[in-house]
Amino acid sequence: MAGISLADARWVLSGQIEDTSRFLGGLHLLAPQGAFLFVEGGSHPPELRSFLEARQVNASPRPALGTLWPRHAYYSLPATQEILGEMARLTASLAEPEICHHVHVFVGDNVLLEGHDAFGYKFYVSGLVPEQRLKEFCAEVGCGYESVSESDEPTGGEKGQANNQMQRTGAAQAMDARR
C-alpha cells in the first residue's frame, strides 16, 4: 500500500481530456529522462495487457496504490516517447475503464503527474515540471492548466497521505470485520 504521492502540486489540468490516447502519447513532454508511467487498474484487453506485461519494469519506489480493495493490477513502464506512443496507438479505440483507473508519471521519489480516477477527475502536476513543458503538453493534448488553489488540493502530500492513511485504516478495519 505504501508508495510515493504528489507532494508539491502547483497546477491542475483544466478542461475535459477528450482523447485519452493523445493524452497518454503526450506524457513524454512532461517526463524527463528516467521517468516512469504508472498505471493501475483497468479491464485491459489482451493486446494492451500483453504490451503492459512485456514493458513492465520494477521501479522503486512506486506511487501509492489508488484502490485499496479489490487489488488491481498495476504496471510501471519507462515513460519514453516510443513506449508512450505505442500505448497511445493501442488505446486509441478503448474506453477509459479499459485503459486504467489511476495514472501517474514519476521519477525517483517524485510524482510529476497524478491522476486518481483517471480521465474522470482532475490531474495534478508537480511544481518540478517546468511550466514551458506543461504548456507544450497542454497544447499537444488539447487541455489547459491553472494554479492549484488551497481548496483544490490533490490526494498526495502530507494532508493526502494522512487522509490516505485514514482510508487505509478504515479499509483494513472493514476487511478485519469480515474475517
N, C-alpha and C. Protein backbone atom coordinates (compact mmCIF):
# COMPACT_ATOMS: atom_id res chain seq x y z
N MET A 1 0.81 -1.18 0.00
CA MET A 1 0.00 0.00 0.00
C MET A 1 0.86 1.25 0.00
N ALA A 2 1.99 1.18 0.68
CA ALA A 2 2.84 2.37 0.78
C ALA A 2 3.39 2.71 -0.59
N GLY A 3 3.69 3.95 -0.75
CA GLY A 3 4.27 4.41 -2.00
C GLY A 3 4.37 5.92 -1.97
N ILE A 4 4.88 6.47 -3.03
CA ILE A 4 5.06 7.92 -3.10
C ILE A 4 3.79 8.58 -3.65
N SER A 5 3.60 9.84 -3.25
CA SER A 5 2.46 10.63 -3.71
C SER A 5 2.95 12.00 -4.13
N LEU A 6 2.12 12.70 -4.85
CA LEU A 6 2.45 14.06 -5.28
C LEU A 6 2.50 14.95 -4.05
N ALA A 7 3.66 15.55 -3.81
CA ALA A 7 3.86 16.34 -2.61
C ALA A 7 3.81 17.84 -2.86
N ASP A 8 3.95 18.26 -4.09
CA ASP A 8 4.07 19.70 -4.37
C ASP A 8 3.28 20.10 -5.61
N ALA A 9 1.99 19.83 -5.58
CA ALA A 9 1.15 20.17 -6.73
C ALA A 9 1.14 21.68 -6.93
N ARG A 10 1.46 22.10 -8.13
CA ARG A 10 1.42 23.52 -8.46
C ARG A 10 0.30 23.81 -9.43
N TRP A 11 0.00 22.83 -10.30
CA TRP A 11 -1.00 23.05 -11.33
C TRP A 11 -2.01 21.92 -11.36
N VAL A 12 -3.17 22.22 -11.89
CA VAL A 12 -4.20 21.23 -12.15
C VAL A 12 -4.58 21.39 -13.62
N LEU A 13 -4.72 20.28 -14.32
CA LEU A 13 -5.13 20.37 -15.72
C LEU A 13 -6.59 20.77 -15.76
N SER A 14 -6.93 21.62 -16.71
CA SER A 14 -8.31 22.10 -16.82
C SER A 14 -8.89 21.68 -18.16
N GLY A 15 -10.19 21.57 -18.18
CA GLY A 15 -10.87 21.11 -19.39
C GLY A 15 -10.92 19.60 -19.39
N GLN A 16 -11.87 19.07 -20.09
CA GLN A 16 -12.04 17.63 -20.19
C GLN A 16 -10.98 17.04 -21.12
N ILE A 17 -10.39 15.93 -20.72
CA ILE A 17 -9.46 15.20 -21.60
C ILE A 17 -10.34 14.45 -22.60
N GLU A 18 -10.36 14.94 -23.82
CA GLU A 18 -11.24 14.37 -24.85
C GLU A 18 -10.67 13.11 -25.50
N ASP A 19 -9.35 13.04 -25.61
CA ASP A 19 -8.70 11.94 -26.32
C ASP A 19 -7.66 11.32 -25.41
N THR A 20 -8.03 10.21 -24.75
CA THR A 20 -7.13 9.59 -23.78
C THR A 20 -5.86 9.06 -24.43
N SER A 21 -5.94 8.55 -25.63
CA SER A 21 -4.73 8.04 -26.28
C SER A 21 -3.78 9.19 -26.61
N ARG A 22 -4.31 10.32 -27.01
CA ARG A 22 -3.48 11.50 -27.28
C ARG A 22 -2.83 11.99 -25.98
N PHE A 23 -3.59 11.95 -24.89
CA PHE A 23 -3.07 12.32 -23.58
C PHE A 23 -1.89 11.42 -23.21
N LEU A 24 -2.09 10.11 -23.31
CA LEU A 24 -1.02 9.17 -22.96
C LEU A 24 0.20 9.36 -23.86
N GLY A 25 -0.03 9.54 -25.14
CA GLY A 25 1.07 9.74 -26.07
C GLY A 25 1.84 11.02 -25.81
N GLY A 26 1.18 12.02 -25.26
CA GLY A 26 1.84 13.30 -24.99
C GLY A 26 2.56 13.37 -23.67
N LEU A 27 2.40 12.37 -22.82
CA LEU A 27 3.02 12.42 -21.49
C LEU A 27 4.55 12.51 -21.55
N HIS A 28 5.15 12.09 -22.66
CA HIS A 28 6.61 12.20 -22.74
C HIS A 28 7.08 13.65 -22.62
N LEU A 29 6.19 14.60 -22.92
CA LEU A 29 6.54 16.01 -22.81
C LEU A 29 6.71 16.45 -21.35
N LEU A 30 6.09 15.74 -20.43
CA LEU A 30 6.23 16.04 -19.00
C LEU A 30 7.31 15.21 -18.33
N ALA A 31 7.73 14.15 -18.98
CA ALA A 31 8.59 13.15 -18.35
C ALA A 31 10.06 13.36 -18.72
N PRO A 32 10.89 13.69 -17.73
CA PRO A 32 12.32 13.78 -18.02
C PRO A 32 12.91 12.39 -18.25
N GLN A 33 14.12 12.35 -18.71
CA GLN A 33 14.79 11.06 -18.91
C GLN A 33 14.79 10.30 -17.59
N GLY A 34 14.49 9.02 -17.64
CA GLY A 34 14.47 8.19 -16.45
C GLY A 34 13.13 8.15 -15.74
N ALA A 35 12.13 8.82 -16.28
CA ALA A 35 10.81 8.84 -15.65
C ALA A 35 10.03 7.58 -16.03
N PHE A 36 8.98 7.32 -15.25
CA PHE A 36 8.14 6.15 -15.47
C PHE A 36 6.67 6.56 -15.52
N LEU A 37 5.92 5.79 -16.28
CA LEU A 37 4.46 5.87 -16.29
C LEU A 37 3.97 4.75 -15.38
N PHE A 38 3.04 5.06 -14.48
CA PHE A 38 2.46 4.07 -13.59
C PHE A 38 0.97 4.04 -13.86
N VAL A 39 0.46 2.90 -14.26
CA VAL A 39 -0.98 2.74 -14.49
C VAL A 39 -1.49 1.65 -13.55
N GLU A 40 -2.65 1.91 -12.98
CA GLU A 40 -3.25 0.96 -12.04
C GLU A 40 -4.69 0.71 -12.46
N GLY A 41 -5.07 -0.56 -12.44
CA GLY A 41 -6.44 -0.94 -12.73
C GLY A 41 -6.74 -0.88 -14.22
N GLY A 42 -7.98 -1.16 -14.53
CA GLY A 42 -8.43 -1.21 -15.92
C GLY A 42 -8.76 -2.63 -16.32
N SER A 43 -9.68 -2.78 -17.22
CA SER A 43 -10.04 -4.12 -17.72
C SER A 43 -9.35 -4.30 -19.07
N HIS A 44 -8.05 -4.47 -19.01
CA HIS A 44 -7.19 -4.46 -20.20
C HIS A 44 -7.54 -5.56 -21.20
N PRO A 45 -7.83 -5.17 -22.43
CA PRO A 45 -7.98 -6.17 -23.49
C PRO A 45 -6.64 -6.90 -23.66
N PRO A 46 -6.65 -8.09 -24.25
CA PRO A 46 -5.43 -8.91 -24.35
C PRO A 46 -4.23 -8.18 -24.97
N GLU A 47 -4.43 -7.43 -26.03
CA GLU A 47 -3.28 -6.77 -26.68
C GLU A 47 -2.65 -5.73 -25.75
N LEU A 48 -3.46 -4.96 -25.05
CA LEU A 48 -2.92 -3.97 -24.11
C LEU A 48 -2.26 -4.67 -22.93
N ARG A 49 -2.87 -5.68 -22.39
CA ARG A 49 -2.29 -6.42 -21.26
C ARG A 49 -0.93 -7.00 -21.64
N SER A 50 -0.82 -7.58 -22.82
CA SER A 50 0.46 -8.12 -23.29
C SER A 50 1.51 -7.03 -23.39
N PHE A 51 1.12 -5.88 -23.92
CA PHE A 51 2.03 -4.75 -24.04
C PHE A 51 2.52 -4.31 -22.65
N LEU A 52 1.60 -4.14 -21.70
CA LEU A 52 1.96 -3.70 -20.36
C LEU A 52 2.88 -4.71 -19.68
N GLU A 53 2.56 -5.98 -19.79
CA GLU A 53 3.37 -7.02 -19.17
C GLU A 53 4.77 -7.09 -19.78
N ALA A 54 4.86 -6.92 -21.09
CA ALA A 54 6.15 -7.02 -21.77
C ALA A 54 7.07 -5.84 -21.47
N ARG A 55 6.52 -4.68 -21.18
CA ARG A 55 7.33 -3.48 -20.96
C ARG A 55 7.43 -3.07 -19.50
N GLN A 56 6.80 -3.83 -18.65
CA GLN A 56 6.81 -3.53 -17.22
C GLN A 56 8.23 -3.62 -16.66
N VAL A 57 8.57 -2.68 -15.78
CA VAL A 57 9.85 -2.70 -15.08
C VAL A 57 9.58 -2.59 -13.59
N ASN A 58 10.56 -2.99 -12.80
CA ASN A 58 10.44 -2.88 -11.35
C ASN A 58 11.02 -1.53 -10.94
N ALA A 59 10.19 -0.52 -10.88
CA ALA A 59 10.62 0.82 -10.49
C ALA A 59 10.30 1.02 -9.01
N SER A 60 11.31 1.41 -8.27
CA SER A 60 11.11 1.60 -6.84
C SER A 60 11.74 2.92 -6.42
N PRO A 61 11.05 3.71 -5.62
CA PRO A 61 9.69 3.46 -5.12
C PRO A 61 8.67 3.69 -6.23
N ARG A 62 7.48 3.23 -6.00
CA ARG A 62 6.40 3.44 -6.95
C ARG A 62 5.32 4.26 -6.28
N PRO A 63 4.42 4.85 -7.07
CA PRO A 63 3.31 5.59 -6.46
C PRO A 63 2.43 4.70 -5.58
N ALA A 64 1.84 5.32 -4.59
CA ALA A 64 0.90 4.63 -3.71
C ALA A 64 -0.29 4.16 -4.55
N LEU A 65 -0.80 3.00 -4.21
CA LEU A 65 -1.96 2.49 -4.92
C LEU A 65 -3.17 3.36 -4.65
N GLY A 66 -3.99 3.55 -5.67
CA GLY A 66 -5.18 4.38 -5.54
C GLY A 66 -6.42 3.60 -5.15
N THR A 67 -6.39 2.29 -5.32
CA THR A 67 -7.52 1.45 -4.95
C THR A 67 -7.03 0.44 -3.93
N LEU A 68 -7.65 0.45 -2.77
CA LEU A 68 -7.22 -0.43 -1.70
C LEU A 68 -7.78 -1.84 -1.84
N TRP A 69 -9.05 -1.93 -2.22
CA TRP A 69 -9.68 -3.24 -2.36
C TRP A 69 -10.81 -3.13 -3.36
N PRO A 70 -10.99 -3.97 -4.28
CA PRO A 70 -10.10 -5.10 -4.54
C PRO A 70 -8.80 -4.63 -5.18
N ARG A 71 -7.77 -5.39 -4.99
CA ARG A 71 -6.45 -5.07 -5.51
C ARG A 71 -6.49 -5.21 -7.03
N HIS A 72 -5.97 -4.19 -7.73
CA HIS A 72 -5.92 -4.21 -9.19
C HIS A 72 -4.49 -4.41 -9.67
N ALA A 73 -4.35 -4.87 -10.88
CA ALA A 73 -3.03 -4.96 -11.49
C ALA A 73 -2.48 -3.55 -11.68
N TYR A 74 -1.17 -3.42 -11.57
CA TYR A 74 -0.52 -2.14 -11.83
C TYR A 74 0.80 -2.40 -12.54
N TYR A 75 1.21 -1.39 -13.30
CA TYR A 75 2.40 -1.52 -14.13
C TYR A 75 3.19 -0.21 -14.11
N SER A 76 4.51 -0.34 -14.02
CA SER A 76 5.41 0.79 -14.21
C SER A 76 6.14 0.55 -15.52
N LEU A 77 6.10 1.55 -16.39
CA LEU A 77 6.75 1.47 -17.70
C LEU A 77 7.67 2.66 -17.88
N PRO A 78 8.79 2.50 -18.56
CA PRO A 78 9.60 3.68 -18.88
C PRO A 78 8.74 4.67 -19.68
N ALA A 79 8.80 5.93 -19.29
CA ALA A 79 7.96 6.96 -19.94
C ALA A 79 8.71 7.58 -21.12
N THR A 80 9.09 6.72 -22.06
CA THR A 80 9.78 7.20 -23.25
C THR A 80 8.76 7.53 -24.33
N GLN A 81 9.18 8.35 -25.27
CA GLN A 81 8.29 8.72 -26.37
C GLN A 81 7.86 7.48 -27.15
N GLU A 82 8.76 6.55 -27.33
CA GLU A 82 8.45 5.32 -28.08
C GLU A 82 7.38 4.48 -27.36
N ILE A 83 7.58 4.23 -26.08
CA ILE A 83 6.63 3.40 -25.33
C ILE A 83 5.29 4.09 -25.19
N LEU A 84 5.31 5.39 -24.88
CA LEU A 84 4.04 6.12 -24.73
C LEU A 84 3.31 6.23 -26.06
N GLY A 85 4.06 6.35 -27.15
CA GLY A 85 3.44 6.39 -28.48
C GLY A 85 2.76 5.07 -28.81
N GLU A 86 3.41 3.98 -28.47
CA GLU A 86 2.82 2.66 -28.71
C GLU A 86 1.58 2.46 -27.83
N MET A 87 1.66 2.93 -26.59
CA MET A 87 0.49 2.82 -25.71
C MET A 87 -0.66 3.65 -26.26
N ALA A 88 -0.36 4.82 -26.78
CA ALA A 88 -1.40 5.67 -27.39
C ALA A 88 -2.07 4.93 -28.56
N ARG A 89 -1.27 4.28 -29.37
CA ARG A 89 -1.81 3.54 -30.51
C ARG A 89 -2.73 2.41 -30.04
N LEU A 90 -2.28 1.68 -29.01
CA LEU A 90 -3.07 0.55 -28.51
C LEU A 90 -4.36 0.97 -27.81
N THR A 91 -4.40 2.19 -27.29
CA THR A 91 -5.57 2.64 -26.54
C THR A 91 -6.51 3.52 -27.36
N ALA A 92 -6.19 3.76 -28.62
CA ALA A 92 -6.96 4.70 -29.45
C ALA A 92 -8.44 4.34 -29.54
N SER A 93 -8.77 3.07 -29.53
CA SER A 93 -10.18 2.69 -29.67
C SER A 93 -10.78 2.14 -28.37
N LEU A 94 -10.06 2.32 -27.26
CA LEU A 94 -10.53 1.77 -25.99
C LEU A 94 -11.28 2.80 -25.16
N ALA A 95 -12.21 2.31 -24.37
CA ALA A 95 -12.89 3.17 -23.39
C ALA A 95 -11.94 3.37 -22.20
N GLU A 96 -12.09 4.47 -21.52
CA GLU A 96 -11.20 4.79 -20.40
C GLU A 96 -11.08 3.68 -19.36
N PRO A 97 -12.19 3.03 -18.95
CA PRO A 97 -12.05 1.96 -17.95
C PRO A 97 -11.24 0.76 -18.42
N GLU A 98 -11.07 0.63 -19.73
CA GLU A 98 -10.23 -0.45 -20.25
C GLU A 98 -8.75 -0.11 -20.14
N ILE A 99 -8.43 1.17 -20.03
CA ILE A 99 -7.03 1.62 -20.02
C ILE A 99 -6.48 1.57 -18.60
N CYS A 100 -7.09 2.32 -17.68
CA CYS A 100 -6.63 2.33 -16.29
C CYS A 100 -7.61 3.11 -15.43
N HIS A 101 -7.45 2.93 -14.12
CA HIS A 101 -8.24 3.70 -13.16
C HIS A 101 -7.43 4.88 -12.62
N HIS A 102 -6.14 4.69 -12.48
CA HIS A 102 -5.26 5.72 -11.92
C HIS A 102 -4.00 5.78 -12.79
N VAL A 103 -3.48 6.98 -12.99
CA VAL A 103 -2.27 7.14 -13.80
C VAL A 103 -1.36 8.18 -13.15
N HIS A 104 -0.07 7.88 -13.15
CA HIS A 104 0.93 8.77 -12.58
C HIS A 104 2.17 8.77 -13.48
N VAL A 105 2.90 9.85 -13.44
CA VAL A 105 4.24 9.92 -14.03
C VAL A 105 5.15 10.26 -12.87
N PHE A 106 6.25 9.50 -12.72
CA PHE A 106 7.14 9.76 -11.61
C PHE A 106 8.59 9.53 -12.03
N VAL A 107 9.49 10.15 -11.29
CA VAL A 107 10.93 9.95 -11.47
C VAL A 107 11.55 9.97 -10.08
N GLY A 108 12.31 8.92 -9.77
CA GLY A 108 12.88 8.82 -8.43
C GLY A 108 11.78 8.82 -7.39
N ASP A 109 11.92 9.69 -6.40
CA ASP A 109 10.93 9.81 -5.31
C ASP A 109 9.86 10.84 -5.61
N ASN A 110 9.83 11.38 -6.81
CA ASN A 110 8.95 12.50 -7.13
C ASN A 110 7.87 12.13 -8.13
N VAL A 111 6.61 12.31 -7.71
CA VAL A 111 5.48 12.15 -8.62
C VAL A 111 5.34 13.48 -9.36
N LEU A 112 5.34 13.42 -10.68
CA LEU A 112 5.25 14.63 -11.51
C LEU A 112 3.82 14.91 -11.97
N LEU A 113 3.05 13.85 -12.17
CA LEU A 113 1.64 13.97 -12.57
C LEU A 113 0.89 12.89 -11.83
N GLU A 114 -0.27 13.27 -11.27
CA GLU A 114 -1.06 12.33 -10.50
C GLU A 114 -2.51 12.43 -10.95
N GLY A 115 -3.08 11.30 -11.32
CA GLY A 115 -4.48 11.27 -11.74
C GLY A 115 -5.20 10.08 -11.14
N HIS A 116 -5.93 10.33 -10.07
CA HIS A 116 -6.78 9.27 -9.49
C HIS A 116 -8.13 9.33 -10.20
N ASP A 117 -8.74 8.17 -10.38
CA ASP A 117 -9.97 8.08 -11.15
C ASP A 117 -9.73 8.76 -12.50
N ALA A 118 -8.67 8.31 -13.14
CA ALA A 118 -8.14 8.94 -14.35
C ALA A 118 -9.20 9.20 -15.40
N PHE A 119 -9.11 10.34 -15.97
CA PHE A 119 -9.94 10.82 -17.07
C PHE A 119 -11.35 11.20 -16.62
N GLY A 120 -11.69 10.93 -15.37
CA GLY A 120 -12.99 11.34 -14.86
C GLY A 120 -12.84 12.37 -13.75
N TYR A 121 -11.62 12.57 -13.31
CA TYR A 121 -11.35 13.51 -12.24
C TYR A 121 -10.15 14.35 -12.66
N LYS A 122 -9.58 15.09 -11.75
CA LYS A 122 -8.51 16.03 -12.07
C LYS A 122 -7.14 15.37 -12.12
N PHE A 123 -6.29 15.95 -12.94
CA PHE A 123 -4.88 15.60 -12.97
C PHE A 123 -4.10 16.74 -12.36
N TYR A 124 -3.24 16.41 -11.41
CA TYR A 124 -2.41 17.41 -10.76
C TYR A 124 -0.99 17.26 -11.26
N VAL A 125 -0.28 18.40 -11.37
CA VAL A 125 1.07 18.42 -11.91
C VAL A 125 1.99 19.08 -10.89
N SER A 126 3.14 18.48 -10.69
CA SER A 126 4.13 18.95 -9.74
C SER A 126 4.78 20.26 -10.19
N GLY A 127 5.20 21.03 -9.22
CA GLY A 127 5.98 22.23 -9.50
C GLY A 127 7.37 21.91 -10.02
N LEU A 128 7.77 20.64 -9.97
CA LEU A 128 9.06 20.23 -10.52
C LEU A 128 9.04 20.20 -12.05
N VAL A 129 7.85 20.19 -12.64
CA VAL A 129 7.72 20.21 -14.10
C VAL A 129 7.84 21.66 -14.55
N PRO A 130 8.79 21.96 -15.42
CA PRO A 130 8.91 23.35 -15.91
C PRO A 130 7.62 23.78 -16.61
N GLU A 131 7.20 25.00 -16.35
CA GLU A 131 5.94 25.49 -16.91
C GLU A 131 5.94 25.44 -18.44
N GLN A 132 7.08 25.68 -19.07
CA GLN A 132 7.14 25.63 -20.54
C GLN A 132 6.80 24.23 -21.04
N ARG A 133 7.29 23.20 -20.35
CA ARG A 133 6.97 21.82 -20.75
C ARG A 133 5.49 21.54 -20.55
N LEU A 134 4.91 22.07 -19.49
CA LEU A 134 3.48 21.90 -19.25
C LEU A 134 2.67 22.57 -20.35
N LYS A 135 3.09 23.76 -20.77
CA LYS A 135 2.40 24.46 -21.87
C LYS A 135 2.46 23.63 -23.15
N GLU A 136 3.62 23.06 -23.45
CA GLU A 136 3.77 22.22 -24.65
C GLU A 136 2.86 21.00 -24.56
N PHE A 137 2.83 20.37 -23.40
CA PHE A 137 1.97 19.21 -23.19
C PHE A 137 0.50 19.57 -23.41
N CYS A 138 0.05 20.65 -22.79
CA CYS A 138 -1.36 21.06 -22.90
C CYS A 138 -1.72 21.39 -24.35
N ALA A 139 -0.81 22.04 -25.07
CA ALA A 139 -1.06 22.34 -26.48
C ALA A 139 -1.17 21.05 -27.29
N GLU A 140 -0.35 20.07 -26.96
CA GLU A 140 -0.35 18.79 -27.68
C GLU A 140 -1.63 17.99 -27.43
N VAL A 141 -2.11 17.98 -26.19
CA VAL A 141 -3.24 17.12 -25.86
C VAL A 141 -4.58 17.84 -25.82
N GLY A 142 -4.57 19.16 -25.96
CA GLY A 142 -5.82 19.91 -26.04
C GLY A 142 -6.49 20.20 -24.72
N CYS A 143 -5.69 20.51 -23.71
CA CYS A 143 -6.26 20.89 -22.43
C CYS A 143 -5.57 22.17 -21.96
N GLY A 144 -6.02 22.69 -20.85
CA GLY A 144 -5.39 23.84 -20.25
C GLY A 144 -4.85 23.48 -18.88
N TYR A 145 -4.37 24.48 -18.16
CA TYR A 145 -3.93 24.26 -16.78
C TYR A 145 -4.12 25.55 -16.01
N GLU A 146 -4.19 25.41 -14.70
CA GLU A 146 -4.31 26.56 -13.83
C GLU A 146 -3.59 26.24 -12.53
N SER A 147 -3.31 27.27 -11.76
CA SER A 147 -2.66 27.08 -10.46
C SER A 147 -3.60 26.35 -9.51
N VAL A 148 -3.02 25.55 -8.65
CA VAL A 148 -3.80 24.84 -7.64
C VAL A 148 -4.13 25.83 -6.54
N SER A 149 -5.39 25.86 -6.13
CA SER A 149 -5.81 26.72 -5.03
C SER A 149 -5.78 25.91 -3.74
N GLU A 150 -5.83 26.60 -2.61
CA GLU A 150 -5.83 25.92 -1.31
C GLU A 150 -6.99 24.93 -1.18
N SER A 151 -8.13 25.26 -1.76
CA SER A 151 -9.30 24.39 -1.62
C SER A 151 -9.30 23.23 -2.61
N ASP A 152 -8.32 23.22 -3.50
CA ASP A 152 -8.27 22.22 -4.56
C ASP A 152 -6.98 21.41 -4.45
N GLU A 153 -6.77 20.77 -3.30
CA GLU A 153 -5.54 20.03 -3.10
C GLU A 153 -5.69 18.61 -3.59
N PRO A 154 -4.62 18.05 -4.15
CA PRO A 154 -4.67 16.66 -4.60
C PRO A 154 -4.64 15.70 -3.42
N THR A 155 -4.68 14.42 -3.72
CA THR A 155 -4.68 13.40 -2.68
C THR A 155 -3.29 13.14 -2.14
N GLY A 156 -2.26 13.65 -2.79
CA GLY A 156 -0.89 13.43 -2.34
C GLY A 156 -0.47 14.43 -1.29
N GLY A 157 0.80 14.41 -0.95
CA GLY A 157 1.35 15.34 0.03
C GLY A 157 0.98 14.93 1.44
N GLU A 158 1.37 15.76 2.42
CA GLU A 158 1.14 15.41 3.82
C GLU A 158 -0.33 15.25 4.15
N LYS A 159 -1.17 16.20 3.72
CA LYS A 159 -2.60 16.09 4.01
C LYS A 159 -3.18 14.87 3.32
N GLY A 160 -2.79 14.65 2.08
CA GLY A 160 -3.29 13.50 1.34
C GLY A 160 -2.82 12.20 1.94
N GLN A 161 -1.54 12.16 2.39
CA GLN A 161 -1.03 10.94 3.00
C GLN A 161 -1.77 10.64 4.29
N ALA A 162 -2.07 11.69 5.08
CA ALA A 162 -2.84 11.47 6.30
C ALA A 162 -4.24 10.97 5.96
N ASN A 163 -4.88 11.56 4.94
CA ASN A 163 -6.20 11.13 4.50
C ASN A 163 -6.13 9.70 3.98
N ASN A 164 -5.09 9.41 3.16
CA ASN A 164 -4.94 8.05 2.64
C ASN A 164 -4.75 7.05 3.76
N GLN A 165 -3.98 7.45 4.81
CA GLN A 165 -3.76 6.57 5.94
C GLN A 165 -5.08 6.29 6.65
N MET A 166 -5.93 7.33 6.80
CA MET A 166 -7.23 7.12 7.43
C MET A 166 -8.07 6.19 6.58
N GLN A 167 -8.03 6.34 5.24
CA GLN A 167 -8.79 5.46 4.36
C GLN A 167 -8.27 4.03 4.47
N ARG A 168 -6.93 3.87 4.51
CA ARG A 168 -6.34 2.53 4.63
C ARG A 168 -6.77 1.90 5.95
N THR A 169 -6.72 2.68 7.04
CA THR A 169 -7.10 2.17 8.34
C THR A 169 -8.56 1.73 8.32
N GLY A 170 -9.44 2.57 7.77
CA GLY A 170 -10.86 2.21 7.69
C GLY A 170 -11.08 0.98 6.84
N ALA A 171 -10.36 0.88 5.72
CA ALA A 171 -10.49 -0.28 4.85
C ALA A 171 -9.98 -1.54 5.55
N ALA A 172 -8.86 -1.41 6.28
CA ALA A 172 -8.31 -2.56 6.99
C ALA A 172 -9.28 -3.02 8.07
N GLN A 173 -9.90 -2.06 8.79
CA GLN A 173 -10.86 -2.43 9.82
C GLN A 173 -12.07 -3.13 9.20
N ALA A 174 -12.51 -2.65 8.06
CA ALA A 174 -13.66 -3.28 7.39
C ALA A 174 -13.31 -4.69 6.94
N MET A 175 -12.08 -4.87 6.43
CA MET A 175 -11.68 -6.21 5.99
C MET A 175 -11.53 -7.14 7.19
N ASP A 176 -10.99 -6.64 8.32
CA ASP A 176 -10.86 -7.45 9.50
C ASP A 176 -12.21 -7.86 10.04
N ALA A 177 -13.20 -6.97 9.95
CA ALA A 177 -14.54 -7.27 10.45
C ALA A 177 -15.19 -8.39 9.65
N ARG A 178 -14.81 -8.53 8.37
CA ARG A 178 -15.38 -9.58 7.52
C ARG A 178 -14.80 -10.95 7.81
N ARG A 179 -13.64 -10.98 8.43
CA ARG A 179 -12.94 -12.27 8.66
C ARG A 179 -13.57 -13.07 9.75
